[in-house]
Protein backbone atom coordinates (compact mmCIF):
# COMPACT_ATOMS: atom_id res chain seq x y z
CA MET A 1 -9.64 1.69 28.58
CA ILE A 2 -11.06 3.12 25.59
CA ILE A 3 -12.39 0.03 22.91
CA ASP A 4 -12.31 0.88 19.39
CA PRO A 5 -15.90 0.52 18.02
CA HIS A 6 -14.65 -2.25 15.17
CA GLN A 7 -13.10 -4.12 18.30
CA ARG A 8 -16.41 -3.93 20.15
CA TYR A 9 -18.27 -5.63 17.04
CA ILE A 10 -15.77 -7.79 16.55
CA ARG A 11 -15.98 -9.55 20.08
CA ARG A 12 -19.77 -9.02 20.07
CA THR A 13 -20.24 -10.97 17.03
CA GLY A 14 -17.33 -13.51 18.02
CA LEU A 15 -19.23 -13.62 21.79
CA PHE A 16 -22.71 -14.63 19.74
CA LEU A 17 -21.06 -16.87 17.64
CA LEU A 18 -19.44 -18.66 20.46
CA VAL A 19 -22.67 -18.86 21.99
CA VAL A 20 -24.77 -20.20 18.77
CA SER A 21 -22.29 -22.60 18.20
CA ALA A 22 -22.22 -23.96 22.01
CA LEU A 23 -26.10 -24.16 21.73
CA GLY A 24 -25.80 -26.16 18.15
CA SER A 25 -23.16 -28.62 19.83
CA ALA A 26 -25.52 -29.16 22.91
CA LEU A 27 -28.49 -29.67 20.60
CA THR A 28 -26.48 -32.28 18.62
CA ALA A 29 -25.28 -34.15 22.08
CA PHE A 30 -28.88 -34.14 22.77
CA LEU A 31 -30.13 -35.76 19.55
CA ASP A 32 -27.12 -38.56 19.72
CA SER A 33 -27.94 -39.48 23.08
CA ARG A 34 -31.60 -40.09 21.94
CA GLN A 35 -30.69 -42.39 19.43
CA LEU A 36 -31.36 -46.30 19.90
CA HIS A 37 -27.38 -47.00 19.22
CA PRO A 38 -25.61 -43.94 19.59
CA GLN A 39 -22.14 -43.98 18.31
CA LEU A 40 -19.45 -43.39 21.21
CA LEU A 41 -17.15 -41.05 19.18
CA ASP A 42 -20.15 -38.94 18.21
CA LEU A 43 -21.17 -38.29 21.97
CA VAL A 44 -17.77 -37.65 22.81
CA MET A 45 -16.79 -35.28 20.06
CA SER A 46 -20.48 -33.25 20.85
CA ILE A 47 -20.28 -33.35 24.65
CA GLY A 48 -16.33 -32.28 24.74
CA LEU A 49 -17.07 -29.82 22.13
CA THR A 50 -19.88 -28.20 24.26
CA SER A 51 -18.00 -28.40 27.26
CA ILE A 52 -14.82 -26.74 25.68
CA LEU A 53 -16.85 -24.00 23.78
CA ALA A 54 -18.85 -23.02 27.02
CA LEU A 55 -15.34 -22.82 29.13
CA LEU A 56 -13.94 -20.56 26.08
CA ILE A 57 -17.22 -18.63 26.36
CA VAL A 58 -16.90 -17.64 29.96
CA ILE A 59 -13.14 -16.83 29.55
CA ALA A 60 -13.92 -14.27 26.74
CA LEU A 61 -16.70 -12.86 29.29
CA LEU A 62 -13.88 -12.62 32.47
CA GLN A 63 -11.06 -11.97 30.37
CA PRO A 64 -11.95 -9.56 27.25
CA ALA A 65 -8.34 -9.06 26.62
CA ARG A 66 -7.66 -12.69 25.56
CA PHE A 67 -10.45 -12.64 23.07
CA LEU A 68 -8.39 -13.08 19.99
CA ALA A 69 -6.97 -16.31 21.67
CA VAL A 70 -10.29 -17.55 22.46
CA LEU A 71 -11.07 -17.21 18.97
CA TRP A 72 -8.04 -19.13 17.62
CA ALA A 73 -8.86 -21.53 20.27
CA ALA A 74 -12.55 -22.10 19.44
CA PHE A 75 -11.09 -22.44 15.65
CA SER A 76 -8.75 -25.25 16.69
CA VAL A 77 -11.54 -26.94 18.57
CA ALA A 78 -14.37 -26.88 15.80
CA PHE A 79 -11.75 -27.97 13.14
CA ILE A 80 -10.90 -30.94 15.33
CA ALA A 81 -14.72 -31.75 15.98
CA ILE A 82 -15.09 -31.88 12.05
CA ALA A 83 -11.66 -33.33 11.24
CA VAL A 84 -11.40 -36.52 13.59
CA PRO A 85 -14.73 -37.98 12.23
CA ALA A 86 -13.69 -37.01 8.40
CA TRP A 87 -10.84 -39.34 9.38
CA VAL A 88 -12.17 -42.15 11.53
CA TYR A 89 -15.38 -43.21 9.88
CA PRO A 90 -13.90 -43.70 6.58
CA ILE A 91 -10.57 -45.50 8.01
CA HIS A 92 -13.43 -47.70 10.07
CA ALA A 93 -15.47 -48.25 6.94
CA VAL A 94 -12.50 -49.74 5.09
CA LYS A 95 -11.89 -52.03 7.67
CA THR A 96 -14.93 -53.15 8.45
CA GLY A 97 -16.55 -52.94 5.36
CA ALA A 98 -19.46 -50.71 6.53
CA THR A 99 -21.35 -48.10 4.31
CA LEU A 100 -19.64 -44.44 4.80
CA ILE A 101 -22.85 -43.10 3.68
CA ASP A 102 -24.94 -44.41 6.39
CA THR A 103 -22.52 -44.09 9.37
CA LEU A 104 -20.89 -40.79 8.53
CA PRO A 105 -22.49 -38.02 10.54
CA PRO A 106 -23.80 -35.12 8.98
CA MET A 107 -20.63 -33.06 9.69
CA THR A 108 -19.42 -32.02 6.32
CA SER A 109 -21.84 -29.21 5.91
CA ALA A 110 -19.97 -27.56 9.34
CA LEU A 111 -16.97 -27.11 7.09
CA MET A 112 -18.67 -24.22 4.99
CA PRO A 113 -19.64 -22.09 7.86
CA LEU A 114 -16.28 -22.51 9.57
CA ILE A 115 -14.40 -21.19 6.65
CA LEU A 116 -16.71 -17.96 6.10
CA THR A 117 -16.17 -17.12 9.87
CA MET A 118 -12.45 -17.68 9.36
CA ILE A 119 -12.96 -14.74 6.74
CA VAL A 120 -14.76 -12.50 9.21
CA PHE A 121 -12.14 -12.85 11.86
CA LEU A 122 -8.78 -14.14 10.74
CA ARG A 123 -6.27 -11.75 8.99
CA PRO A 124 -6.43 -11.91 5.19
CA GLN A 125 -3.36 -13.49 4.56
CA GLN A 126 -4.03 -16.32 7.32
CA VAL A 127 -7.50 -17.20 5.58
CA PHE A 128 -6.51 -18.76 2.73
CA VAL A 129 -3.74 -20.96 4.14
CA ALA A 130 -6.03 -21.90 6.87
CA ALA A 131 -8.93 -22.33 4.92
CA THR A 132 -6.89 -24.61 2.21
CA ILE A 133 -5.55 -26.85 5.08
CA ALA A 134 -8.67 -27.29 6.56
CA TRP A 135 -10.68 -28.34 3.48
CA ALA A 136 -7.84 -30.50 2.67
CA LEU A 137 -7.72 -32.53 5.80
CA VAL A 138 -11.48 -32.82 6.07
CA ALA A 139 -12.29 -33.30 2.49
CA GLY A 140 -9.59 -35.41 1.97
CA PRO A 141 -10.31 -38.66 3.44
CA ILE A 142 -14.22 -38.43 2.56
CA LEU A 143 -13.75 -38.07 -1.21
CA PHE A 144 -10.76 -40.34 -1.90
CA TYR A 145 -13.11 -42.94 0.14
CA LEU A 146 -15.90 -41.95 -2.13
CA LEU A 147 -13.94 -42.03 -5.54
CA ASP A 148 -12.64 -45.85 -4.35
CA HIS A 149 -16.29 -46.85 -3.83
CA PRO A 150 -18.35 -45.65 -6.79
CA ASP A 151 -21.61 -47.28 -5.65
CA GLU A 152 -21.69 -45.21 -2.62
CA MET A 153 -20.60 -42.13 -4.30
CA ARG A 154 -23.62 -42.59 -6.95
CA ALA A 155 -26.07 -42.53 -4.13
CA ALA A 156 -27.93 -39.52 -3.04
CA ARG A 157 -25.95 -38.69 0.27
CA GLY A 158 -22.81 -39.89 -1.46
CA MET A 159 -23.28 -37.08 -4.72
CA ASP A 160 -24.73 -34.60 -1.85
CA MET A 161 -20.85 -34.90 0.10
CA VAL A 162 -19.08 -35.23 -3.32
CA VAL A 163 -20.51 -31.56 -4.66
CA THR A 164 -20.42 -29.88 -1.07
CA LEU A 165 -16.46 -31.02 -0.37
CA GLY A 166 -15.57 -30.42 -3.98
CA PRO A 167 -16.68 -27.80 -6.41
CA VAL A 168 -19.03 -25.66 -3.66
CA MET A 169 -15.83 -25.70 -1.36
CA LEU A 170 -13.37 -24.95 -4.25
CA LEU A 171 -15.28 -22.09 -5.26
CA LEU A 172 -15.39 -20.96 -1.61
CA LEU A 173 -11.45 -21.21 -1.51
CA ILE A 174 -11.24 -19.30 -4.71
CA TYR A 175 -13.67 -16.60 -3.58
CA ILE A 176 -11.23 -15.50 -0.66
CA PRO A 177 -8.81 -13.86 -2.69
CA PHE A 178 -11.47 -12.25 -4.63
CA HIS A 179 -12.86 -10.89 -1.54
CA ARG A 180 -9.37 -9.45 -0.47
CA GLY A 181 -9.20 -7.70 -3.81
CA ILE A 182 -12.83 -6.50 -3.15
CA GLU A 183 -11.82 -5.14 0.06
CA ARG A 184 -8.55 -3.50 -1.40
CA ARG A 185 -10.58 -1.63 -4.04
CA VAL A 186 -13.22 -0.47 -1.62
CA ALA A 187 -10.30 0.79 0.94
CA SER A 188 -8.55 2.36 -2.57
CA LEU A 189 -12.04 4.03 -3.33
CA GLN A 190 -12.22 5.62 0.30
CA SER A 191 -8.93 6.64 0.53
CA GLN A 192 -9.54 8.39 -2.67
CA SER A 193 -12.86 9.94 -1.51
CA ALA A 194 -10.95 11.18 1.44
CA GLU A 195 -8.31 12.93 -0.30
CA MET A 196 -10.91 14.44 -2.88
CA GLN A 197 -12.89 15.74 0.21
CA ALA A 198 -9.64 17.08 1.65
CA LEU A 199 -8.87 18.84 -1.58
CA ALA A 200 -11.93 20.30 -1.73
CA GLU A 201 -12.24 21.71 1.84
CA ARG A 202 -8.50 22.67 2.54
CA ASP A 203 -6.67 25.82 1.55
CA GLY A 204 -3.81 24.56 -0.40
CA LEU A 205 -1.34 26.91 0.84
CA THR A 206 -2.07 26.67 4.78
CA GLY A 207 -3.87 23.37 5.37
CA LEU A 208 -6.56 25.13 6.92
CA TYR A 209 -10.37 25.18 6.10
CA ASN A 210 -11.07 27.31 2.93
CA ARG A 211 -13.75 29.91 2.48
CA ARG A 212 -16.34 27.38 1.26
CA ALA A 213 -15.71 24.86 3.58
CA GLY A 214 -15.68 27.39 6.56
CA GLU A 215 -19.00 28.75 5.33
CA HIS A 216 -20.60 25.18 5.24
CA LEU A 217 -19.47 24.54 8.25
CA LEU A 218 -20.85 27.84 10.33
CA THR A 219 -24.11 27.63 8.03
CA LYS A 220 -24.71 24.22 9.92
CA LEU A 221 -23.50 25.29 13.67
CA ILE A 222 -25.75 28.57 13.21
CA ALA A 223 -28.83 26.60 12.80
CA ALA A 224 -28.56 25.53 16.67
CA PRO A 225 -26.58 28.61 18.20
CA ASN A 226 -24.75 29.11 21.12
CA VAL A 227 -25.03 32.61 22.48
CA ASN A 228 -21.37 32.12 24.08
CA ASP A 229 -20.06 31.39 20.41
CA ALA A 230 -17.84 34.17 19.06
CA LEU A 231 -16.28 34.93 15.75
CA ILE A 232 -13.15 36.10 15.50
CA MET A 233 -11.71 37.78 12.26
CA PHE A 234 -8.28 38.69 11.64
CA ASP A 235 -5.82 39.79 8.84
CA ILE A 236 -1.99 40.28 8.81
CA ASP A 237 -1.22 44.40 9.44
CA ARG A 238 0.60 45.43 5.79
CA PHE A 239 0.85 42.07 4.27
CA LYS A 240 0.98 43.77 0.58
CA SER A 241 4.16 45.70 1.83
CA ILE A 242 5.86 41.92 2.49
CA ASN A 243 5.01 40.55 -0.72
CA ASP A 244 6.15 44.13 -2.44
CA ALA A 245 9.40 44.04 -0.65
CA HIS A 246 10.51 40.34 -0.07
CA GLY A 247 8.03 38.64 -3.03
CA HIS A 248 5.22 36.33 -2.94
CA PRO A 249 6.88 33.18 -1.82
CA VAL A 250 8.17 34.65 1.36
CA GLY A 251 4.38 36.29 1.69
CA ASP A 252 3.44 32.50 1.45
CA GLU A 253 5.60 31.40 4.01
CA VAL A 254 4.31 33.97 6.15
CA LEU A 255 0.50 32.68 5.87
CA ARG A 256 1.87 29.25 6.61
CA GLN A 257 3.90 30.15 9.74
CA ILE A 258 1.36 32.01 11.00
CA ALA A 259 -1.24 29.80 10.42
CA ARG A 260 0.41 27.05 12.39
CA ARG A 261 1.15 29.34 15.22
CA CYS A 262 -2.48 29.97 15.65
CA GLU A 263 -3.80 26.43 15.25
CA ALA A 264 -1.53 25.07 17.67
CA LEU A 265 -3.22 27.33 20.36
CA LEU A 266 -6.67 26.14 19.31
CA ARG A 267 -9.36 23.46 20.24
CA ARG A 268 -10.58 20.46 18.45
CA ASP A 269 -14.09 22.09 18.51
CA ASP A 270 -12.94 25.35 16.96
CA VAL A 271 -13.26 26.26 13.17
CA PHE A 272 -10.48 27.80 11.53
CA ALA A 273 -10.66 29.03 8.19
CA ARG A 274 -8.47 30.72 5.66
CA TRP A 275 -11.08 33.38 4.48
CA GLY A 276 -9.17 34.90 1.84
CA GLY A 277 -5.82 36.45 0.97
CA GLU A 278 -4.11 37.52 4.33
CA GLU A 279 -7.71 37.15 6.42
CA PHE A 280 -8.66 34.66 8.82
CA LEU A 281 -11.67 33.48 10.21
CA LEU A 282 -11.88 31.62 13.38
CA LEU A 283 -15.29 30.46 15.35
CA VAL A 284 -14.74 29.82 19.34
CA ARG A 285 -17.00 27.69 20.64
CA GLY A 286 -18.44 28.64 24.06
CA ALA A 287 -16.31 31.41 24.89
CA ARG A 288 -18.19 33.90 26.15
CA ALA A 289 -16.99 37.69 25.63
CA GLU A 290 -13.96 37.55 28.01
CA GLY A 291 -13.04 34.04 26.73
CA SER A 292 -13.25 35.18 22.97
CA MET A 293 -11.06 38.59 23.83
CA HIS A 294 -8.48 36.09 25.63
CA VAL A 295 -8.32 33.95 22.60
CA ALA A 296 -7.93 36.98 20.41
CA GLU A 297 -5.11 38.21 22.62
CA THR A 298 -3.39 34.82 22.70
CA LEU A 299 -3.45 34.75 18.67
CA ARG A 300 -2.22 37.86 18.37
CA SER A 301 0.50 37.65 21.15
CA ALA A 302 1.84 34.24 19.38
CA ILE A 303 1.99 35.81 15.96
CA ALA A 304 4.30 38.74 16.91
CA SER A 305 6.18 36.35 19.33
CA ALA A 306 9.00 35.78 17.03
CA PRO A 307 9.81 37.09 13.68
CA ILE A 308 9.50 35.34 10.33
CA ASP A 309 12.62 35.58 8.06
CA PRO A 310 13.35 37.50 6.13
CA ALA A 311 10.04 39.48 6.53
CA GLY A 312 10.72 40.19 9.96
CA THR A 313 8.39 40.59 13.15
CA ILE A 314 4.77 40.47 11.84
CA THR A 315 1.29 41.66 13.61
CA ALA A 316 -2.50 41.20 12.93
CA SER A 317 -5.36 42.71 13.79
CA PHE A 318 -8.36 41.32 15.39
CA GLY A 319 -11.97 41.76 15.26
CA VAL A 320 -14.34 39.75 17.76
CA ALA A 321 -18.04 39.45 17.59
CA LEU A 322 -19.93 37.29 20.18
CA PHE A 323 -23.07 35.75 18.62
CA ARG A 324 -26.72 37.62 19.51
CA THR A 325 -29.85 36.29 19.43
CA HIS A 326 -31.14 37.11 16.22
CA ASP A 327 -28.04 37.08 14.28
CA THR A 328 -28.06 35.44 10.61
CA LEU A 329 -24.39 34.03 9.55
CA ALA A 330 -24.53 37.36 7.28
CA THR A 331 -24.89 39.83 10.11
CA TRP A 332 -22.53 37.99 12.41
CA ILE A 333 -19.84 37.98 9.86
CA GLN A 334 -20.43 41.72 9.32
CA ARG A 335 -19.78 42.45 12.93
CA ALA A 336 -16.46 40.68 13.05
CA ASP A 337 -15.48 42.05 10.09
CA ALA A 338 -16.35 46.17 11.33
CA ALA A 339 -14.47 45.03 14.62
CA LEU A 340 -11.43 44.42 12.54
CA TYR A 341 -11.60 47.39 10.53
CA ALA A 342 -11.94 49.19 13.94
CA ALA A 343 -8.78 47.63 15.38
CA LYS A 344 -6.99 48.58 12.01
CA ALA A 345 -8.21 52.12 12.54
CA ALA A 346 -7.03 52.24 15.91
CA GLY A 347 -3.45 51.67 14.98
CA ARG A 348 -3.32 47.98 13.96
CA ASP A 349 -1.63 45.12 16.02
CA ARG A 350 -4.66 44.81 18.63
CA VAL A 351 -8.25 43.36 19.29
CA ALA A 352 -11.33 45.31 18.92
CA THR A 353 -14.98 44.20 19.75
CA GLN A 354 -18.27 44.69 18.40
């Protein structure tokens, strides 16, 4: 099964984050157990989170197809691990008169990396809703408690929690749609760039490479040539008479039809360009002499195989030139052109070689 590079990147990054999260949770469980009077809830949450994350890592490794489900489960478990203390400790403080800022474990800062991870892995339309719900459920009880206990809110840790869960988290939530706007803008610019590149290198009539793009590609390829590569140059026989008899729109349709017929028979590695007017140039990779002649004959037969109304049956003449060790691009094209003219001089609708 072929895996998309983007999916592979997502899986590797997600697996790395799962491993780091599991190690962090295990370290938290160890530190909680070393305290003189550890809170039972803290121990249960940290040990439980570590165990579940370890299980999810195993599932992700054994069943890669379920990776997205594993990620959703990891988000849910991490959210529960943050949300439960955010509700239990304020309720406990109200009931017992305990001081929240002294008993609440350092879990409020974990909300920010959780939301940032959501931005990376979740679908854009899901992130804002999920992040807003997570913020409201985690920050709500703590902020309400601190507002109702101004002495604790004015303490150093109280102010830190208010700022972290209030303005800082609001800025992060505001960033989410802003981030989406940037992504859309970048995608739009990439699309425009691709369109401009296509316009710059493609022939507007046939959709093939234009001469400028063809020369550029051939120049790059000839820097590391293959002695089995061949150039095939061909043009449509008596094309001027088609334009004179039927008009240029029919002539344009003939060019389009021939380009489509030939392109359908070529491989992806071949370079096919409209060289100018009714003339075409084709680079056939690794064809050898016999293979390049076979390709040229196949294209010649395809062009003449069915009439193009109202012009009728169309023929073309072909010149083939196999690459020679001391060839430059200019000499290689010149030999293909000479072979083409030899085919025309021999009566057209045929293949000649040099």
